[in-house]
């Protein structure tokens, strides 16, 4: 395991750092009416909300020819395209369609594959394997999902959907030869030549995953600093950089974030929307275990020292002014991610003691250790909201080993009331280690800062 030396320091003077425009994260989407519908479509983009509104007509996306409005971009290689989608208004035809599509070209009879949601809720993977052939379909048993995703992995396309803030389910996966360079994007079809339908697309992301041979620790990805509105589910990218950044920690006054990158710590001003390096003195190998004291005056940092053979991971407490450590856990395996509840009544942590990584809590003296989550996901880093009402955690798929938290995975941010009722998905993203390692709630408990990754 890696050994780190913790330090407690006052936030010191700051050094300016490069700022990149958050809108650079968007691919260059452009719109086109495929199949020459009698009414042209359009797309508007809200920079404030980072959402797309598509208006389009078209007789259908079916049989051997299509008519619809397509907001798309050219892309090669593997990708994950995702969005939260909804129709605007009651609509005219129950068979109107919205969704995400990968397509060989803009010809009406082009080969394509999509994730399609109809006005009546019917959902599935539609596809035309070869130019000019009839469309076929795999239907989903989930109707009217709010979140849809299409992934290309080699020559395989995978469609996933989510409804009611539940984990995504796979509708279908199938091999297609759409070409090396394809068009990928959002679509709307009215299923009525004389009608314009409207749909909203938010949380639109194109993520380029790491190849199977890529180690996220050795070949680190570019990063997006995002803010999630926990109530609405709306995500906004506030900063993008080619540097690998991790663990945004929200200040107690709500004015800035602190994150780590390349061994340094940075203060990200939420007014100026730019980062500045924090002077941490000799500590130049800082990792993602930094923390801000409850009074907002002191910053705790964790500085890399050396690496040895590992062993059990154990949770201790120590007075902030220094002194004797007190051991709190003794279970075999990995105990990690300790964090006090705002009222000081509990310490939340994650542990592999049951065979999977689950969230636990205990009294500050280590007594009354009790399990909080019980599903088959690998749950890490539970952060209580400042109002003490709910937790947010990062959840890996069951296929990830219990003691591992890699960078490069499709993961979920999930919220859970502290009384233990239903867990809900707050965000789907490509990330992992470094996404949300530290307390990242806004002081009003309405938003969470996190990092997503893309190659």
Protein backbone atom coordinates (compact mmCIF):
# COMPACT_ATOMS: atom_id res chain seq x y z
CA UNK A 1 0.00 0.00 0.00
CA UNK A 2 1.07 3.61 -0.43
CA UNK A 3 2.21 5.55 2.61
CA UNK A 4 1.40 9.24 2.91
CA UNK A 5 2.35 11.73 5.56
CA UNK A 6 -0.51 14.02 6.68
CA UNK A 7 0.15 17.67 7.46
CA UNK A 8 -2.03 20.50 8.74
CA UNK A 9 -1.25 23.88 7.24
CA UNK A 10 -2.85 27.27 6.89
CA UNK A 11 -3.85 28.14 3.32
CA UNK A 12 -0.85 30.10 2.10
CA UNK A 13 -0.19 32.55 -0.76
CA UNK A 14 -1.36 31.62 -4.23
CA UNK A 15 0.33 31.46 -7.62
CA UNK A 16 -1.64 32.06 -10.84
CA UNK A 17 -2.38 29.13 -13.15
CA UNK A 18 -3.75 28.70 -16.66
CA UNK A 19 -7.54 28.94 -17.22
CA UNK A 20 -9.31 27.00 -19.97
CA UNK A 21 -12.80 27.74 -21.27
CA UNK A 22 -15.33 25.24 -19.98
CA UNK A 23 -17.11 25.19 -23.34
CA UNK A 24 -14.09 23.51 -24.96
CA UNK A 25 -15.41 20.22 -23.58
CA UNK A 26 -18.16 20.16 -26.22
CA UNK A 27 -17.53 18.54 -29.56
CA UNK A 28 -18.38 20.72 -32.55
CA UNK A 29 -21.99 19.69 -33.06
CA UNK A 30 -23.84 20.86 -36.15
CA UNK A 31 -27.41 20.23 -37.31
CA UNK A 32 -28.82 18.77 -40.51
CA UNK A 33 -32.24 17.68 -41.74
CA UNK A 34 -31.71 14.08 -42.86
CA UNK A 35 -33.95 12.84 -45.69
CA UNK A 36 -35.24 16.29 -46.73
CA UNK A 37 -38.32 16.63 -44.49
CA UNK A 38 -40.78 19.31 -45.63
CA UNK A 39 -40.14 21.29 -42.45
CA UNK A 40 -36.58 22.08 -41.47
CA UNK A 41 -35.31 21.59 -37.90
CA UNK A 42 -33.13 23.67 -35.61
CA UNK A 43 -31.01 23.49 -32.47
CA UNK A 44 -30.47 26.07 -29.75
CA UNK A 45 -27.83 25.80 -27.04
CA UNK A 46 -27.99 27.40 -23.59
CA UNK A 47 -24.49 28.26 -22.40
CA UNK A 48 -25.84 29.00 -18.93
CA UNK A 49 -27.54 25.62 -18.51
CA UNK A 50 -25.31 23.73 -20.99
CA UNK A 51 -28.42 22.18 -22.54
CA UNK A 52 -29.57 21.61 -26.13
CA UNK A 53 -33.10 22.15 -27.44
CA UNK A 54 -33.83 20.36 -30.72
CA UNK A 55 -36.80 21.09 -32.97
CA UNK A 56 -37.51 18.79 -35.87
CA UNK A 57 -40.07 17.16 -38.15
CA UNK A 58 -39.72 14.13 -40.44
CA UNK A 59 -42.03 11.28 -41.41
CA UNK A 60 -40.14 8.52 -39.58
CA UNK A 61 -36.87 6.75 -38.80
CA UNK A 62 -37.82 3.33 -40.10
CA UNK A 63 -37.95 1.00 -43.11
CA UNK A 64 -35.22 1.82 -45.67
CA UNK A 65 -35.28 5.65 -45.47
CA UNK A 66 -35.28 8.21 -42.65
CA UNK A 67 -36.45 11.78 -42.11
CA UNK A 68 -35.43 13.65 -38.95
CA UNK A 69 -33.35 16.46 -37.45
CA UNK A 70 -29.83 15.39 -36.46
CA UNK A 71 -27.44 17.41 -34.28
CA UNK A 72 -24.17 15.56 -34.72
CA UNK A 73 -20.39 15.52 -34.79
CA UNK A 74 -17.75 13.44 -36.55
CA UNK A 75 -15.91 10.96 -34.37
CA UNK A 76 -13.49 8.05 -34.77
CA UNK A 77 -12.58 5.27 -32.37
CA UNK A 78 -14.30 4.24 -29.16
CA UNK A 79 -16.67 6.64 -27.42
CA UNK A 80 -19.48 6.87 -24.88
CA UNK A 81 -22.31 9.27 -25.80
CA UNK A 82 -24.84 10.02 -23.04
CA UNK A 83 -27.65 12.45 -22.31
CA UNK A 84 -30.67 13.16 -20.16
CA UNK A 85 -33.60 13.61 -22.56
CA UNK A 86 -37.25 14.62 -22.55
CA UNK A 87 -39.97 15.76 -24.95
CA UNK A 88 -41.29 19.31 -24.59
CA UNK A 89 -45.08 19.44 -24.52
CA UNK A 90 -47.68 16.76 -25.13
CA UNK A 91 -46.82 16.34 -28.79
CA UNK A 92 -49.01 15.29 -31.69
CA UNK A 93 -48.04 11.75 -32.64
CA UNK A 94 -47.47 8.98 -30.10
CA UNK A 95 -44.73 7.60 -32.35
CA UNK A 96 -42.58 10.73 -32.35
CA UNK A 97 -38.98 9.85 -31.50
CA UNK A 98 -35.96 11.29 -29.72
CA UNK A 99 -32.62 9.77 -28.76
CA UNK A 100 -28.95 9.35 -29.57
CA UNK A 101 -27.60 7.95 -32.81
CA UNK A 102 -24.39 6.74 -34.47
CA UNK A 103 -24.65 6.89 -38.26
CA UNK A 104 -22.40 6.22 -41.27
CA UNK A 105 -23.46 9.42 -43.09
CA UNK A 106 -26.36 11.82 -43.60
CA UNK A 107 -27.97 9.95 -46.48
CA UNK A 108 -31.56 8.96 -45.80
CA UNK A 109 -30.80 5.24 -46.25
CA UNK A 110 -27.55 5.20 -44.27
CA UNK A 111 -26.57 2.41 -41.91
CA UNK A 112 -27.06 3.47 -38.30
CA UNK A 113 -27.72 2.41 -34.71
CA UNK A 114 -29.55 4.43 -32.07
CA UNK A 115 -31.16 4.45 -28.67
CA UNK A 116 -34.68 5.65 -29.38
CA UNK A 117 -37.50 6.79 -27.08
CA UNK A 118 -40.99 7.17 -28.57
CA UNK A 119 -43.65 9.62 -27.47
CA UNK A 120 -45.66 6.77 -25.94
CA UNK A 121 -42.58 5.61 -23.98
CA UNK A 122 -41.59 2.67 -26.23
CA UNK A 123 -37.79 2.39 -26.05
CA UNK A 124 -35.20 0.32 -27.83
CA UNK A 125 -32.13 -0.02 -29.99
CA UNK A 126 -33.05 0.67 -33.63
CA UNK A 127 -30.57 -0.17 -36.38
CA UNK A 128 -30.02 -0.51 -40.12
CA UNK A 129 -27.08 -2.82 -40.59
CA UNK A 130 -26.35 -1.89 -44.20
CA UNK A 131 -27.22 0.99 -46.51
CA UNK A 132 -30.72 0.70 -47.90
CA UNK A 133 -31.85 -2.20 -45.73
CA UNK A 134 -34.95 -2.13 -43.54
CA UNK A 135 -34.65 -0.96 -39.96
CA UNK A 136 -34.74 -3.57 -37.18
CA UNK A 137 -35.15 -3.16 -33.43
CA UNK A 138 -34.40 -4.59 -30.01
CA UNK A 139 -37.12 -3.42 -27.62
CA UNK A 140 -36.43 -2.54 -23.99
CA UNK A 141 -38.65 -3.58 -21.11
CA UNK A 142 -38.06 -0.09 -19.67
CA UNK A 143 -40.36 2.60 -21.04
CA UNK A 144 -39.75 6.34 -21.19
CA UNK A 145 -36.26 6.39 -19.62
CA UNK A 146 -34.84 9.77 -18.70
CA UNK A 147 -31.19 8.88 -19.33
CA UNK A 148 -29.84 7.16 -22.45
CA UNK A 149 -26.40 6.06 -23.58
CA UNK A 150 -24.78 4.57 -26.65
CA UNK A 151 -21.22 3.25 -26.54
CA UNK A 152 -18.91 2.12 -29.34
CA UNK A 153 -16.32 -0.41 -28.28
CA UNK A 154 -14.37 -1.62 -31.28
CA UNK A 155 -17.05 -2.66 -33.76
CA UNK A 156 -19.64 -3.31 -31.04
CA UNK A 157 -22.37 -0.81 -30.15
CA UNK A 158 -24.01 -0.96 -26.72
CA UNK A 159 -27.27 0.77 -25.76
CA UNK A 160 -28.12 1.47 -22.10
CA UNK A 161 -30.99 3.31 -20.42
CA UNK A 162 -31.96 4.47 -16.92
CA UNK A 163 -35.30 5.45 -15.43
CA UNK A 164 -36.25 6.94 -12.06
CA UNK A 165 -32.64 7.50 -10.98
CA UNK A 166 -31.85 3.78 -11.05
CA UNK A 167 -28.66 2.14 -12.39
CA UNK A 168 -28.47 1.77 -16.16
CA UNK A 169 -29.53 -1.47 -17.81
CA UNK A 170 -28.25 -2.73 -21.15
CA UNK A 171 -30.94 -2.85 -23.85
CA UNK A 172 -28.77 -4.61 -26.42
CA UNK A 173 -25.29 -4.84 -27.86
CA UNK A 174 -24.51 -5.74 -31.44
CA UNK A 175 -21.67 -5.56 -33.94
CA UNK A 176 -22.00 -3.08 -36.81
CA UNK A 177 -19.64 -1.85 -39.50
CA UNK A 178 -20.60 1.81 -39.72
CA UNK A 179 -17.13 2.87 -40.82
CA UNK A 180 -14.08 4.26 -39.08
CA UNK A 181 -15.30 7.85 -38.99
CA UNK A 182 -18.99 8.19 -38.18
CA UNK A 183 -21.52 10.80 -37.13
CA UNK A 184 -22.77 10.69 -33.54
CA UNK A 185 -25.29 12.91 -31.86
CA UNK A 186 -28.87 13.76 -30.88
CA UNK A 187 -32.04 13.46 -32.95
CA UNK A 188 -35.74 14.31 -33.00
CA UNK A 189 -38.39 13.01 -35.42
CA UNK A 190 -42.04 14.12 -35.32
CA UNK A 191 -43.44 11.09 -37.24
CA UNK A 192 -45.67 13.65 -38.94
CA UNK A 193 -44.38 15.59 -41.95
CA UNK A 194 -46.27 18.78 -41.08
CA UNK A 195 -45.43 18.90 -37.36
CA UNK A 196 -42.39 20.24 -35.53
CA UNK A 197 -41.63 18.45 -32.24
CA UNK A 198 -39.32 19.77 -29.53
CA UNK A 199 -37.00 17.93 -27.14
CA UNK A 200 -34.44 18.88 -24.50
CA UNK A 201 -31.05 17.21 -24.15
CA UNK A 202 -29.00 17.98 -21.04
CA UNK A 203 -25.91 16.43 -19.44
CA UNK A 204 -24.73 15.69 -22.98
CA UNK A 205 -21.31 14.07 -22.83
CA UNK A 206 -19.01 12.39 -25.31
CA UNK A 207 -16.34 10.55 -23.36
CA UNK A 208 -13.40 8.71 -24.87
CA UNK A 209 -12.59 5.74 -22.63
CA UNK A 210 -9.11 4.39 -22.03
CA UNK A 211 -8.09 1.33 -24.01
CA UNK A 212 -7.84 -2.01 -22.24
CA UNK A 213 -4.06 -1.66 -22.16
CA UNK A 214 -4.10 1.80 -20.56
CA UNK A 215 -3.25 2.07 -16.87
CA UNK A 216 -4.93 5.18 -15.52
CA UNK A 217 -2.10 5.70 -13.03
CA UNK A 218 0.64 5.65 -15.66
CA UNK A 219 -1.30 7.28 -18.52
CA UNK A 220 -3.54 9.80 -16.83
CA UNK A 221 -6.48 11.38 -18.60
CA UNK A 222 -7.67 14.87 -19.29
CA UNK A 223 -10.25 16.11 -16.79
CA UNK A 224 -13.53 17.98 -16.49
CA UNK A 225 -14.39 19.79 -13.28
CA UNK A 226 -18.16 19.59 -12.90
CA UNK A 227 -20.87 20.79 -10.53
CA UNK A 228 -23.98 18.68 -10.01
CA UNK A 229 -27.31 20.09 -8.84
CA UNK A 230 -28.39 17.17 -6.67
CA UNK A 231 -32.11 18.01 -6.78
CA UNK A 232 -32.46 18.55 -10.55
CA UNK A 233 -29.65 16.27 -11.75
CA UNK A 234 -28.29 19.02 -14.00
CA UNK A 235 -24.52 18.93 -14.44
CA UNK A 236 -22.31 21.81 -15.56
CA UNK A 237 -18.70 21.66 -16.68
CA UNK A 238 -16.95 24.68 -15.17
CA UNK A 239 -13.39 23.85 -16.17
CA UNK A 240 -11.59 21.51 -18.53
CA UNK A 241 -7.89 20.78 -18.71
CA UNK A 242 -5.49 18.34 -20.35
CA UNK A 243 -3.95 17.91 -16.91
CA UNK A 244 -5.25 15.14 -14.64
CA UNK A 245 -7.03 16.75 -11.68
CA UNK A 246 -8.72 15.08 -8.72
CA UNK A 247 -10.86 15.48 -5.61
CA UNK A 248 -12.54 18.91 -5.59
CA UNK A 249 -13.11 20.00 -1.98
CA UNK A 250 -15.72 22.76 -1.50
CA UNK A 251 -14.73 25.59 0.86
CA UNK A 252 -16.87 26.29 3.94
CA UNK A 253 -17.79 29.77 2.65
CA UNK A 254 -18.77 28.36 -0.75
CA UNK A 255 -16.41 30.62 -2.69
CA UNK A 256 -13.82 28.18 -4.01
CA UNK A 257 -12.81 24.57 -4.55
CA UNK A 258 -9.50 22.90 -3.75
CA UNK A 259 -8.25 20.05 -5.91
CA UNK A 260 -4.97 18.24 -6.50
CA UNK A 261 -3.03 17.81 -9.74
CA UNK A 262 0.49 16.51 -10.47
CA UNK A 263 1.37 16.58 -6.76
CA UNK A 264 0.24 20.18 -6.25
CA UNK A 265 -2.90 21.64 -4.71
CA UNK A 266 -4.96 24.31 -6.46
CA UNK A 267 -7.59 26.78 -5.34
CA UNK A 268 -10.35 27.21 -7.93
CA UNK A 269 -12.18 30.50 -7.49
CA UNK A 270 -15.89 30.09 -8.31
CA UNK A 271 -16.24 33.78 -9.20
CA UNK A 272 -13.21 34.09 -11.44
CA UNK A 273 -13.55 30.48 -12.64
CA UNK A 274 -9.82 29.88 -12.67
CA UNK A 275 -7.32 27.92 -10.55
CA UNK A 276 -4.31 29.17 -8.62
CA UNK A 277 -1.58 27.03 -7.09
CA UNK A 278 -1.46 26.83 -3.30
CA UNK A 279 1.96 27.12 -1.71
CA UNK A 280 2.41 23.86 0.23
CA UNK A 281 6.11 24.38 0.88
CA UNK A 282 8.26 21.25 0.74
CA UNK A 283 5.16 19.04 0.24
CA UNK A 284 5.14 18.68 -3.55
CA UNK A 285 3.67 15.16 -3.91
CA UNK A 286 0.20 15.79 -2.57
CA UNK A 287 -2.54 13.30 -3.33
CA UNK A 288 -6.35 13.34 -3.18
CA UNK A 289 -6.73 13.01 0.61
CA UNK A 290 -6.74 16.73 1.40
CA UNK A 291 -9.38 18.24 3.68
CA UNK A 292 -10.61 21.58 5.01
CA UNK A 293 -11.32 22.06 8.72
CA UNK A 294 -14.89 22.80 9.82
CA UNK A 295 -13.94 26.38 10.70
CA UNK A 296 -12.48 26.84 7.21
CA UNK A 297 -9.11 28.02 8.51
CA UNK A 298 -6.89 24.97 8.12
CA UNK A 299 -6.06 22.68 5.23
CA UNK A 300 -5.00 19.09 5.88
CA UNK A 301 -2.82 17.58 3.17
CA UNK A 302 -1.47 14.10 2.43
CA UNK A 303 2.02 14.05 0.93
CA UNK A 304 3.49 10.94 -0.75
CA UNK A 305 6.57 9.53 1.01
CA UNK A 306 7.23 5.98 -0.13
CA UNK A 307 5.60 2.76 -1.22
CA UNK A 308 5.89 -0.60 0.52
CA UNK A 309 4.31 -4.06 0.40
CA UNK A 310 0.96 -3.08 1.91
CA UNK A 311 -1.27 -4.92 4.34
CA UNK A 312 -4.52 -4.07 6.09
CA UNK A 313 -5.80 -0.50 5.91
CA UNK A 314 -6.83 0.80 9.34
CA UNK A 315 -8.61 3.95 10.50
CA UNK A 316 -7.14 6.07 13.31
CA UNK A 317 -7.92 9.42 14.90
CA UNK A 318 -5.36 11.92 16.12
CA UNK A 319 -5.73 15.36 17.77
CA UNK A 320 -5.26 18.22 15.30
CA UNK A 321 -2.48 19.65 17.46
CA UNK A 322 -0.70 16.30 17.38
CA UNK A 323 -0.38 13.52 19.89
CA UNK A 324 -1.09 9.82 20.24
CA UNK A 325 -3.02 8.02 17.50
CA UNK A 326 -6.13 6.07 18.51
CA UNK A 327 -6.95 2.98 16.47
CA UNK A 328 -10.66 2.71 15.55
CA UNK A 329 -10.94 -0.30 13.21
CA UNK A 330 -9.39 -3.77 13.29
CA UNK A 331 -11.24 -5.78 10.61
CA UNK A 332 -9.30 -7.73 7.99
CA UNK A 333 -9.02 -6.05 4.63
CA UNK A 334 -9.44 -2.45 3.64
CA UNK A 335 -11.07 0.29 5.72
CA UNK A 336 -10.84 3.64 3.96
CA UNK A 337 -12.38 7.07 3.36
CA UNK A 338 -13.24 8.13 6.94
CA UNK A 339 -15.31 11.28 7.28
CA UNK A 340 -17.10 12.85 10.25
CA UNK A 341 -20.79 13.64 10.03
CA UNK A 342 -21.49 17.38 10.44
CA UNK A 343 -22.87 16.87 13.95
CA UNK A 344 -19.83 14.83 15.00
CA UNK A 345 -21.98 11.83 15.95
CA UNK A 346 -20.54 9.41 13.41
CA UNK A 347 -17.54 8.63 11.25
CA UNK A 348 -18.55 7.23 7.86
CA UNK A 349 -16.10 4.96 6.03
CA UNK A 350 -15.96 2.23 3.39
CA UNK A 351 -14.85 -1.32 4.13
CA UNK A 352 -14.32 -4.65 2.35
CA UNK A 353 -14.97 -6.69 5.51
CA UNK A 354 -18.08 -8.31 3.99
CA UNK A 355 -16.35 -9.26 0.73
CA UNK A 356 -17.57 -6.26 -1.26
CA UNK A 357 -16.82 -2.59 -0.68
CA UNK A 358 -19.70 -1.16 1.36
CA UNK A 359 -20.35 2.00 3.36
CA UNK A 360 -20.18 1.72 7.16
CA UNK A 361 -20.36 4.13 10.07
CA UNK A 362 -19.21 4.13 13.69
CA UNK A 363 -19.11 6.35 16.74
CA UNK A 364 -16.07 8.64 16.98
CA UNK A 365 -14.49 6.27 19.52
CA UNK A 366 -14.82 3.33 17.12
CA UNK A 367 -17.82 1.72 18.81
CA UNK A 368 -21.12 0.63 17.24
CA UNK A 369 -19.71 -0.13 13.80
CA UNK A 370 -22.67 -0.74 11.48
CA UNK A 371 -23.11 -1.37 7.77
CA UNK A 372 -24.99 1.30 5.78
CA UNK A 373 -25.14 -0.05 2.19
CA UNK A 374 -25.95 -3.63 1.26
CA UNK A 375 -26.09 -3.93 -2.55
CA UNK A 376 -23.65 -5.57 -4.96
CA UNK A 377 -21.97 -2.37 -6.14
CA UNK A 378 -18.51 -1.42 -4.89
CA UNK A 379 -19.30 1.72 -2.86
CA UNK A 380 -16.56 4.18 -1.89
CA UNK A 381 -16.18 7.56 -0.20
CA UNK A 382 -19.52 8.40 1.43
CA UNK A 383 -19.73 12.14 2.10
CA UNK A 384 -22.48 13.46 4.42
CA UNK A 385 -24.17 16.66 3.26
CA UNK A 386 -23.58 19.73 5.48
CA UNK A 387 -27.22 19.63 6.61
CA UNK A 388 -26.70 16.03 7.73
CA UNK A 389 -29.64 14.68 5.69
CA UNK A 390 -27.99 12.57 3.01
CA UNK A 391 -24.81 10.94 1.73
CA UNK A 392 -23.24 10.95 -1.70
CA UNK A 393 -20.90 8.12 -2.74
CA UNK A 394 -19.17 6.77 -5.82
CA UNK A 395 -20.26 3.30 -6.91
CA UNK A 396 -18.26 0.97 -9.16
CA UNK A 397 -19.75 -1.97 -11.08
CA UNK A 398 -19.71 -5.35 -9.30
CA UNK A 399 -17.04 -6.54 -11.76
CA UNK A 400 -14.44 -4.21 -10.23
CA UNK A 401 -12.50 -5.91 -7.40
CA UNK A 402 -13.66 -4.82 -3.96
CA UNK A 403 -10.35 -3.30 -2.92
CA UNK A 404 -9.72 -1.49 -6.21
CA UNK A 405 -10.81 1.98 -7.24
CA UNK A 406 -9.30 2.62 -10.70
CA UNK A 407 -9.53 5.85 -12.69
CA UNK A 408 -11.04 4.50 -15.88
CA UNK A 409 -14.52 3.09 -15.33
CA UNK A 410 -18.16 3.86 -15.95
CA UNK A 411 -19.22 4.79 -12.43
CA UNK A 412 -22.19 6.32 -10.64
CA UNK A 413 -22.54 9.05 -8.06
CA UNK A 414 -25.39 7.95 -5.80
CA UNK A 415 -27.23 9.67 -2.98
CA UNK A 416 -28.78 8.06 0.08
CA UNK A 417 -30.74 9.57 2.99
CA UNK A 418 -28.92 9.03 6.27
CA UNK A 419 -31.96 7.14 7.57
CA UNK A 420 -31.09 4.36 5.15
CA UNK A 421 -33.95 4.62 2.64
CA UNK A 422 -33.67 4.22 -1.13
CA UNK A 423 -30.38 4.94 -2.87
CA UNK A 424 -30.73 6.98 -6.09
CA UNK A 425 -28.33 7.66 -8.92
CA UNK A 426 -27.37 11.33 -9.11
CA UNK A 427 -24.99 11.07 -12.08
CA UNK A 428 -23.49 8.58 -14.51
CA UNK A 429 -19.96 9.35 -15.65
CA UNK A 430 -16.60 8.05 -16.77
CA UNK A 431 -14.27 8.39 -13.81
CA UNK A 432 -13.32 6.66 -10.58
CA UNK A 433 -10.29 7.31 -8.43
CA UNK A 434 -10.12 11.08 -7.93
CA UNK A 435 -13.73 11.77 -8.94
CA UNK A 436 -15.07 12.46 -5.44
CA UNK A 437 -12.54 11.34 -2.82
CA UNK A 438 -13.10 14.25 -0.44
CA UNK A 439 -16.01 16.31 0.99
CA UNK A 440 -17.37 18.15 -2.04
CA UNK A 441 -20.84 19.34 -1.03
CA UNK A 442 -21.67 23.04 -1.34
CA UNK A 443 -22.35 24.64 2.06
CA UNK A 444 -26.11 24.79 1.32
CA UNK A 445 -26.22 21.02 0.61
CA UNK A 446 -27.69 21.62 -2.87
CA UNK A 447 -24.71 20.90 -5.11
CA UNK A 448 -21.68 18.62 -5.37
CA UNK A 449 -18.39 19.18 -7.18
CA UNK A 450 -16.68 16.24 -8.89
CA UNK A 451 -14.26 15.34 -11.66
CA UNK A 452 -14.95 13.23 -14.75
CA UNK A 453 -12.29 11.96 -17.12
CA UNK A 454 -11.88 11.44 -20.87
CA UNK A 455 -9.04 10.39 -23.15
